[in-house]
Each structure stands twice: as C-alpha cells, then as structure tokens.
C-alpha atoms as a PDB file:
ATOM      1  CA  UNK A   1       0.095   0.027  -0.283  1.00  0.00           C
ATOM      2  CA  UNK A   2       1.347   3.283  -1.423  1.00  0.00           C
ATOM      3  CA  UNK A   3       1.742   5.939   1.029  1.00  0.00           C
ATOM      4  CA  UNK A   4      -1.349   7.901  -0.330  1.00  0.00           C
ATOM      5  CA  UNK A   5      -3.289   5.695  -0.297  1.00  0.00           C
ATOM      6  CA  UNK A   6      -2.456   4.878   3.334  1.00  0.00           C
ATOM      7  CA  UNK A   7      -3.184   8.278   3.841  1.00  0.00           C
ATOM      8  CA  UNK A   8      -6.517   8.874   2.140  1.00  0.00           C
ATOM      9  CA  UNK A   9      -7.983   5.182   4.007  1.00  0.00           C
ATOM     10  CA  UNK A  10      -6.594   6.861   7.399  1.00  0.00           C
ATOM     11  CA  UNK A  11      -9.213  10.164   6.391  1.00  0.00           C
ATOM     12  CA  UNK A  12     -11.427   8.505   5.270  1.00  0.00           C
ATOM     13  CA  UNK A  13     -11.604   5.876   7.603  1.00  0.00           C
ATOM     14  CA  UNK A  14     -12.950   9.409   9.830  1.00  0.00           C
ATOM     15  CA  UNK A  15     -14.342  11.342   8.109  1.00  0.00           C
ATOM     16  CA  UNK A  16     -16.543   7.772   7.538  1.00  0.00           C
ATOM     17  CA  UNK A  17     -16.022   8.011  12.091  1.00  0.00           C
ATOM     18  CA  UNK A  18     -17.318  11.735  11.749  1.00  0.00           C
ATOM     19  CA  UNK A  19     -20.620  11.694  13.831  1.00  0.00           C
ATOM     20  CA  UNK A  20     -18.531  10.684  16.970  1.00  0.00           C
ATOM     21  CA  UNK A  21     -15.450  13.311  16.027  1.00  0.00           C
ATOM     22  CA  UNK A  22     -17.930  15.850  15.524  1.00  0.00           C
ATOM     23  CA  UNK A  23     -20.158  14.575  18.177  1.00  0.00           C
ATOM     24  CA  UNK A  24     -17.382  15.064  20.755  1.00  0.00           C
ATOM     25  CA  UNK A  25     -16.888  18.631  19.218  1.00  0.00           C
ATOM     26  CA  UNK A  26     -20.473  18.925  20.550  1.00  0.00           C
ATOM     27  CA  UNK A  27     -19.601  17.911  23.603  1.00  0.00           C
ATOM     28  CA  UNK A  28     -17.189  21.236  24.422  1.00  0.00           C
ATOM     29  CA  UNK A  29     -18.785  23.504  23.533  1.00  0.00           C
ATOM     30  CA  UNK A  30     -18.987  24.795  26.831  1.00  0.00           C
ATOM     31  CA  UNK A  31     -15.649  24.090  27.032  1.00  0.00           C
ATOM     32  CA  UNK A  32     -12.748  26.457  25.092  1.00  0.00           C
ATOM     33  CA  UNK A  33      -9.876  25.327  26.280  1.00  0.00           C
ATOM     34  CA  UNK A  34     -10.654  21.646  25.995  1.00  0.00           C
ATOM     35  CA  UNK A  35     -11.391  22.184  22.212  1.00  0.00           C
ATOM     36  CA  UNK A  36      -8.003  23.086  21.962  1.00  0.00           C
ATOM     37  CA  UNK A  37      -6.113  20.020  23.959  1.00  0.00           C
ATOM     38  CA  UNK A  38      -8.026  18.004  21.485  1.00  0.00           C
ATOM     39  CA  UNK A  39      -6.427  19.703  18.556  1.00  0.00           C
ATOM     40  CA  UNK A  40      -3.044  19.005  19.940  1.00  0.00           C
ATOM     41  CA  UNK A  41      -3.290  15.906  20.983  1.00  0.00           C
ATOM     42  CA  UNK A  42      -4.390  15.188  16.869  1.00  0.00           C
ATOM     43  CA  UNK A  43      -1.376  17.209  15.308  1.00  0.00           C
ATOM     44  CA  UNK A  44       0.519  15.508  17.894  1.00  0.00           C
ATOM     45  CA  UNK A  45      -1.136  11.447  16.747  1.00  0.00           C
ATOM     46  CA  UNK A  46      -0.089  12.488  13.149  1.00  0.00           C
ATOM     47  CA  UNK A  47       2.601  14.733  12.951  1.00  0.00           C
ATOM     48  CA  UNK A  48       4.399  11.549  14.736  1.00  0.00           C
ATOM     49  CA  UNK A  49       2.648   9.163  12.679  1.00  0.00           C
ATOM     50  CA  UNK A  50       3.823  11.256   9.194  1.00  0.00           C
ATOM     51  CA  UNK A  51       7.758  11.602  10.860  1.00  0.00           C
ATOM     52  CA  UNK A  52       7.756   6.813  11.401  1.00  0.00           C
ATOM     53  CA  UNK A  53       6.120   6.526   8.576  1.00  0.00           C
ATOM     54  CA  UNK A  54       9.382   9.134   5.912  1.00  0.00           C
ATOM     55  CA  UNK A  55      12.482   8.611   8.771  1.00  0.00           C
ATOM     56  CA  UNK A  56      15.339   9.988   6.656  1.00  0.00           C
ATOM     57  CA  UNK A  57      13.015  13.177   5.036  1.00  0.00           C
ATOM     58  CA  UNK A  58      13.192  16.462   6.847  1.00  0.00           C
ATOM     59  CA  UNK A  59      10.336  18.134   8.337  1.00  0.00           C
ATOM     60  CA  UNK A  60      10.197  19.890   5.787  1.00  0.00           C
ATOM     61  CA  UNK A  61       9.210  17.468   2.813  1.00  0.00           C
ATOM     62  CA  UNK A  62       6.630  15.742   5.931  1.00  0.00           C
ATOM     63  CA  UNK A  63       4.686  19.092   6.252  1.00  0.00           C
ATOM     64  CA  UNK A  64       3.789  19.723   2.901  1.00  0.00           C
ATOM     65  CA  UNK A  65       3.283  16.116   2.457  1.00  0.00           C
ATOM     66  CA  UNK A  66       0.243  16.075   4.531  1.00  0.00           C
ATOM     67  CA  UNK A  67      -1.044  19.713   5.657  1.00  0.00           C
ATOM     68  CA  UNK A  68      -2.588  22.226   4.335  1.00  0.00           C
ATOM     69  CA  UNK A  69      -4.738  24.416   4.042  1.00  0.00           C
ATOM     70  CA  UNK A  70      -7.149  21.399   2.519  1.00  0.00           C
ATOM     71  CA  UNK A  71     -10.708  23.444   4.292  1.00  0.00           C
ATOM     72  CA  UNK A  72     -11.985  25.405   1.832  1.00  0.00           C
ATOM     73  CA  UNK A  73     -12.955  28.287   3.404  1.00  0.00           C
ATOM     74  CA  UNK A  74     -10.375  28.845   6.322  1.00  0.00           C
ATOM     75  CA  UNK A  75      -6.426  29.607   6.101  1.00  0.00           C
ATOM     76  CA  UNK A  76      -5.412  27.066   8.612  1.00  0.00           C
ATOM     77  CA  UNK A  77      -1.649  25.154   6.749  1.00  0.00           C
ATOM     78  CA  UNK A  78      -1.426  22.975   9.283  1.00  0.00           C
ATOM     79  CA  UNK A  79      -5.039  20.478   8.495  1.00  0.00           C
ATOM     80  CA  UNK A  80      -3.913  17.112   8.209  1.00  0.00           C
ATOM     81  CA  UNK A  81      -4.846  15.713   4.066  1.00  0.00           C
ATOM     82  CA  UNK A  82      -4.674  13.832   1.584  1.00  0.00           C
ATOM     83  CA  UNK A  83      -3.983  16.492  -1.989  1.00  0.00           C
ATOM     84  CA  UNK A  84      -4.875  13.529  -4.106  1.00  0.00           C
ATOM     85  CA  UNK A  85      -8.839  13.158  -2.749  1.00  0.00           C
ATOM     86  CA  UNK A  86      -8.550  16.357  -0.464  1.00  0.00           C
ATOM     87  CA  UNK A  87     -10.115  14.761   2.535  1.00  0.00           C
ATOM     88  CA  UNK A  88      -8.961  16.026   5.480  1.00  0.00           C
ATOM     89  CA  UNK A  89      -9.263  15.485   9.116  1.00  0.00           C
ATOM     90  CA  UNK A  90     -11.712  18.222  11.032  1.00  0.00           C
ATOM     91  CA  UNK A  91     -10.576  19.927  13.525  1.00  0.00           C
ATOM     92  CA  UNK A  92     -12.031  20.272  17.372  1.00  0.00           C
ATOM     93  CA  UNK A  93     -11.540  24.104  17.168  1.00  0.00           C
ATOM     94  CA  UNK A  94     -14.161  24.176  14.512  1.00  0.00           C
ATOM     95  CA  UNK A  95     -16.775  24.025  16.559  1.00  0.00           C
ATOM     96  CA  UNK A  96     -18.787  27.443  17.425  1.00  0.00           C
ATOM     97  CA  UNK A  97     -18.806  27.278  21.480  1.00  0.00           C
ATOM     98  CA  UNK A  98     -21.797  28.519  22.890  1.00  0.00           C
ATOM     99  CA  UNK A  99     -21.813  29.871  26.616  1.00  0.00           C
ATOM    100  CA  UNK A 100     -24.065  27.992  28.390  1.00  0.00           C
ATOM    101  CA  UNK A 101     -27.136  29.424  30.058  1.00  0.00           C
ATOM    102  CA  UNK A 102     -27.437  28.513  34.016  1.00  0.00           C
ATOM    103  CA  UNK A 103     -31.316  26.822  34.718  1.00  0.00           C
ATOM    104  CA  UNK A 104     -33.343  29.685  37.618  1.00  0.00           C
ATOM    105  CA  UNK A 105     -33.127  28.433  40.784  1.00  0.00           C
ATOM    106  CA  UNK A 106     -36.310  25.854  41.048  1.00  0.00           C
ATOM    107  CA  UNK A 107     -37.396  26.431  37.999  1.00  0.00           C
ATOM    108  CA  UNK A 108     -39.396  23.652  36.296  1.00  0.00           C
ATOM    109  CA  UNK A 109     -41.084  22.828  33.190  1.00  0.00           C
ATOM    110  CA  UNK A 110     -43.424  21.488  34.607  1.00  0.00           C
ATOM    111  CA  UNK A 111     -44.706  24.687  35.882  1.00  0.00           C
ATOM    112  CA  UNK A 112     -47.457  26.334  33.847  1.00  0.00           C
ATOM    113  CA  UNK A 113     -46.028  29.781  34.852  1.00  0.00           C
ATOM    114  CA  UNK A 114     -42.318  29.043  32.889  1.00  0.00           C
ATOM    115  CA  UNK A 115     -44.187  28.532  29.630  1.00  0.00           C
ATOM    116  CA  UNK A 116     -42.492  31.356  28.247  1.00  0.00           C
ATOM    117  CA  UNK A 117     -38.793  31.312  29.568  1.00  0.00           C
ATOM    118  CA  UNK A 118     -38.757  27.154  28.842  1.00  0.00           C
ATOM    119  CA  UNK A 119     -39.593  27.879  25.470  1.00  0.00           C
ATOM    120  CA  UNK A 120     -37.004  30.867  24.607  1.00  0.00           C
ATOM    121  CA  UNK A 121     -34.717  28.691  26.257  1.00  0.00           C
ATOM    122  CA  UNK A 122     -35.421  25.651  23.680  1.00  0.00           C
ATOM    123  CA  UNK A 123     -34.794  28.444  20.912  1.00  0.00           C
ATOM    124  CA  UNK A 124     -31.209  29.079  22.390  1.00  0.00           C
ATOM    125  CA  UNK A 125     -30.090  25.527  23.004  1.00  0.00           C
ATOM    126  CA  UNK A 126     -27.900  24.568  20.775  1.00  0.00           C
ATOM    127  CA  UNK A 127     -29.298  21.657  18.284  1.00  0.00           C
ATOM    128  CA  UNK A 128     -27.869  17.775  19.462  1.00  0.00           C
ATOM    129  CA  UNK A 129     -25.567  16.653  16.907  1.00  0.00           C
ATOM    130  CA  UNK A 130     -26.807  14.590  14.189  1.00  0.00           C
ATOM    131  CA  UNK A 131     -26.032  13.704  10.555  1.00  0.00           C
ATOM    132  CA  UNK A 132     -26.951  16.573   8.121  1.00  0.00           C
ATOM    133  CA  UNK A 133     -29.481  14.413   6.649  1.00  0.00           C
ATOM    134  CA  UNK A 134     -31.520  13.439   9.246  1.00  0.00           C
ATOM    135  CA  UNK A 135     -30.572  17.508  10.838  1.00  0.00           C
ATOM    136  CA  UNK A 136     -32.655  18.654   7.662  1.00  0.00           C
ATOM    137  CA  UNK A 137     -35.676  15.962   8.273  1.00  0.00           C
ATOM    138  CA  UNK A 138     -36.076  17.363  11.700  1.00  0.00           C
ATOM    139  CA  UNK A 139     -36.374  21.466  10.814  1.00  0.00           C
ATOM    140  CA  UNK A 140     -38.502  21.162   8.521  1.00  0.00           C
ATOM    141  CA  UNK A 141     -40.601  19.352  10.138  1.00  0.00           C
ATOM    142  CA  UNK A 142     -39.821  21.058  12.822  1.00  0.00           C
ATOM    143  CA  UNK A 143     -38.765  18.860  15.474  1.00  0.00           C
ATOM    144  CA  UNK A 144     -42.689  16.884  15.464  1.00  0.00           C
ATOM    145  CA  UNK A 145     -43.319  13.064  14.281  1.00  0.00           C
ATOM    146  CA  UNK A 146     -45.222  13.022  10.724  1.00  0.00           C
ATOM    147  CA  UNK A 147     -46.955  10.097  12.311  1.00  0.00           C
ATOM    148  CA  UNK A 148     -48.561  11.313  15.714  1.00  0.00           C
ATOM    149  CA  UNK A 149     -47.560  14.738  15.773  1.00  0.00           C
ATOM    150  CA  UNK A 150     -45.392  14.909  19.462  1.00  0.00           C
ATOM    151  CA  UNK A 151     -42.047  15.606  19.540  1.00  0.00           C
ATOM    152  CA  UNK A 152     -39.015  14.244  17.860  1.00  0.00           C
ATOM    153  CA  UNK A 153     -36.993  13.809  21.070  1.00  0.00           C
ATOM    154  CA  UNK A 154     -38.573  13.593  24.197  1.00  0.00           C
ATOM    155  CA  UNK A 155     -37.057  15.786  26.609  1.00  0.00           C
ATOM    156  CA  UNK A 156     -35.666  18.267  23.922  1.00  0.00           C
ATOM    157  CA  UNK A 157     -35.161  20.789  26.388  1.00  0.00           C
ATOM    158  CA  UNK A 158     -33.260  18.498  29.100  1.00  0.00           C
ATOM    159  CA  UNK A 159     -29.784  19.644  29.580  1.00  0.00           C
ATOM    160  CA  UNK A 160     -27.069  17.051  30.974  1.00  0.00           C
ATOM    161  CA  UNK A 161     -25.335  18.319  33.692  1.00  0.00           C
ATOM    162  CA  UNK A 162     -21.394  16.006  31.719  1.00  0.00           C
ATOM    163  CA  UNK A 163     -20.471  15.371  28.693  1.00  0.00           C
ATOM    164  CA  UNK A 164     -21.256  11.379  30.133  1.00  0.00           C
ATOM    165  CA  UNK A 165     -25.285  12.530  30.457  1.00  0.00           C
ATOM    166  CA  UNK A 166     -25.013  13.887  27.410  1.00  0.00           C
ATOM    167  CA  UNK A 167     -23.445  11.132  25.128  1.00  0.00           C
ATOM    168  CA  UNK A 168     -26.079   8.456  27.272  1.00  0.00           C
ATOM    169  CA  UNK A 169     -28.923  11.311  26.458  1.00  0.00           C
ATOM    170  CA  UNK A 170     -27.397  11.439  22.218  1.00  0.00           C
ATOM    171  CA  UNK A 171     -27.040   7.574  22.186  1.00  0.00           C
ATOM    172  CA  UNK A 172     -30.335   6.705  23.602  1.00  0.00           C
ATOM    173  CA  UNK A 173     -32.315   8.982  21.057  1.00  0.00           C
ATOM    174  CA  UNK A 174     -30.650   8.632  18.110  1.00  0.00           C
ATOM    175  CA  UNK A 175     -31.921   4.684  18.693  1.00  0.00           C
ATOM    176  CA  UNK A 176     -35.619   5.903  18.716  1.00  0.00           C
ATOM    177  CA  UNK A 177     -35.385   7.244  15.724  1.00  0.00           C
ATOM    178  CA  UNK A 178     -35.899   5.756  11.720  1.00  0.00           C
ATOM    179  CA  UNK A 179     -35.660   7.670   8.719  1.00  0.00           C
ATOM    180  CA  UNK A 180     -38.963   6.749   7.036  1.00  0.00           C
ATOM    181  CA  UNK A 181     -39.643   5.928   2.809  1.00  0.00           C
ATOM    182  CA  UNK A 182     -42.683   8.132   2.413  1.00  0.00           C
ATOM    183  CA  UNK A 183     -42.828   6.001  -0.782  1.00  0.00           C
ATOM    184  CA  UNK A 184     -41.475   2.410  -0.316  1.00  0.00           C
ATOM    185  CA  UNK A 185     -38.413   1.086  -2.077  1.00  0.00           C
ATOM    186  CA  UNK A 186     -41.113  -1.931  -3.167  1.00  0.00           C
ATOM    187  CA  UNK A 187     -42.586   0.728  -4.895  1.00  0.00           C
ATOM    188  CA  UNK A 188     -39.585   2.572  -6.487  1.00  0.00           C
ATOM    189  CA  UNK A 189     -38.888   5.167  -3.564  1.00  0.00           C
ATOM    190  CA  UNK A 190     -35.680   6.000  -3.496  1.00  0.00           C
ATOM    191  CA  UNK A 191     -33.045   7.603  -0.162  1.00  0.00           C
ATOM    192  CA  UNK A 192     -34.163  11.152  -1.617  1.00  0.00           C
ATOM    193  CA  UNK A 193     -34.490  13.632   1.518  1.00  0.00           C
ATOM    194  CA  UNK A 194     -37.961  14.330  -0.202  1.00  0.00           C
ATOM    195  CA  UNK A 195     -39.018  11.250   0.730  1.00  0.00           C
ATOM    196  CA  UNK A 196     -37.985  10.607   3.503  1.00  0.00           C
ATOM    197  CA  UNK A 197     -39.230  11.681   7.073  1.00  0.00           C
ATOM    198  CA  UNK A 198     -37.099  12.006  10.746  1.00  0.00           C
ATOM    199  CA  UNK A 199     -40.193   9.680  12.962  1.00  0.00           C
ATOM    200  CA  UNK A 200     -39.976   7.500  16.067  1.00  0.00           C
ATOM    201  CA  UNK A 201     -38.694   4.561  15.816  1.00  0.00           C
ATOM    202  CA  UNK A 202     -41.573   3.084  17.819  1.00  0.00           C
ATOM    203  CA  UNK A 203     -44.153   5.303  15.387  1.00  0.00           C
ATOM    204  CA  UNK A 204     -42.345   3.269  12.596  1.00  0.00           C
ATOM    205  CA  UNK A 205     -42.712  -0.677  13.558  1.00  0.00           C
ATOM    206  CA  UNK A 206     -46.379   0.456  14.393  1.00  0.00           C
ATOM    207  CA  UNK A 207     -47.298   2.161  10.932  1.00  0.00           C
ATOM    208  CA  UNK A 208     -46.267  -1.356   9.279  1.00  0.00           C
ATOM    209  CA  UNK A 209     -47.606  -3.397  11.972  1.00  0.00           C
ATOM    210  CA  UNK A 210     -51.410  -3.173  10.078  1.00  0.00           C
ATOM    211  CA  UNK A 211     -49.966  -3.152   6.279  1.00  0.00           C
ATOM    212  CA  UNK A 212     -47.075  -6.472   6.022  1.00  0.00           C
ATOM    213  CA  UNK A 213     -44.319  -4.201   4.859  1.00  0.00           C
ATOM    214  CA  UNK A 214     -41.341  -5.223   5.842  1.00  0.00           C
ATOM    215  CA  UNK A 215     -38.852  -2.047   4.619  1.00  0.00           C
ATOM    216  CA  UNK A 216     -38.979   1.383   5.750  1.00  0.00           C
END
C-alpha cells in the first residue's frame, strides 16, 4: 500500500466516523480550552505518524506532503489530509463555542407559569449533533414526528450536566429515531430527502404493523 493510499484510508476512516468526532466537539462547545487541547493531541498523533513513516525525510518535506489548507473556507495550513482526494481531518476548534446558560433556581419545565421561559431557552439552545440528513428533516418537520405529531426527541428541554450524560442522552435519542420512506422502496421510492420522514422508531413499527410491509 502506497503512502497516498494509507493516508487516504486513514482520512476516509476518520470521515466515516465523523459523527463521533463532531459529536465530541459538540460536547465541548462550552469548554473552549479543551477543544484546543484535543487539536494539539490530534496534531501530535498525525505528525509523529508522518515522521515515523518517512524517517529519512526532512520536517519540511513531511509538512508539505501531509499538511495544508485543505478546508476551502479556512486559512489554516496545518490541516492533516490527502492532496490526491482532498479528504481531511476536521479540527475540534472549528466547533462553535456556545456559552452555557444556567437554569433559574427552582425552575421546572412542568410549571405552567414558566412556559415562555422554557420556550425561549429551547430556541437559544444549540441543536444536538445529528447527521446532516436527520437534522434537515427535523428542521423541515419543526421537530415533530409526522406520524404521532409529538416531539421527535422527548425531553428536548432537558440539558445534561456532564459529557457522559450528553453521550448517553444522545445515543438513546438516536435509537428512538428512524428515517421512514414515504414511498416504499419496493414501490420505487428512493433515499432522496423529499421521500424521507424522520419518525420515532416505535411509530415506524406501529405504522407498518398493519400493512405487512417489511420496508423502511
């Protein structure tokens, strides 16, 4: 395997695992210093790997071969990537910083007197990390499941207190959602966004329970 193929494989693997990477960045939206620490750590890993792969080459040669301004809208020349394919590793620092807003003491989502407060808080809150298609569908559907007309993510107003809680909450939320094909695949329906609906997995099962269709 050539060096170009190896780098392409590493980068493509990282891109295929992009959700965990960008998701971790999302967890650190409130922790600016940690995003830079993670970027330094990732830089050392890729730099040391590149140097070990070419022990007889100079630092300048290694830098020119594996690092550059791969992101089209950023002037960062220290992005690890592949010049042949254009693939590159995203940086944690590219995740926008969102300042955490504390909940008013004693404020409960169940208090009818605070309906406006919680509504404004949800609008200000950053969306949880999602794949692009799911996010677009959720926005298009105004956050509602078209089958039951309820919120796609129950407890969306709940704001976890730690990175571990964020991971558990989002992992559970992802399992509860499903991309439903409005026109079944067996009837010629494809994966185009205009043929997809983001629904609760339970609603999806109930929807197909009576029609005998084993389809998405």
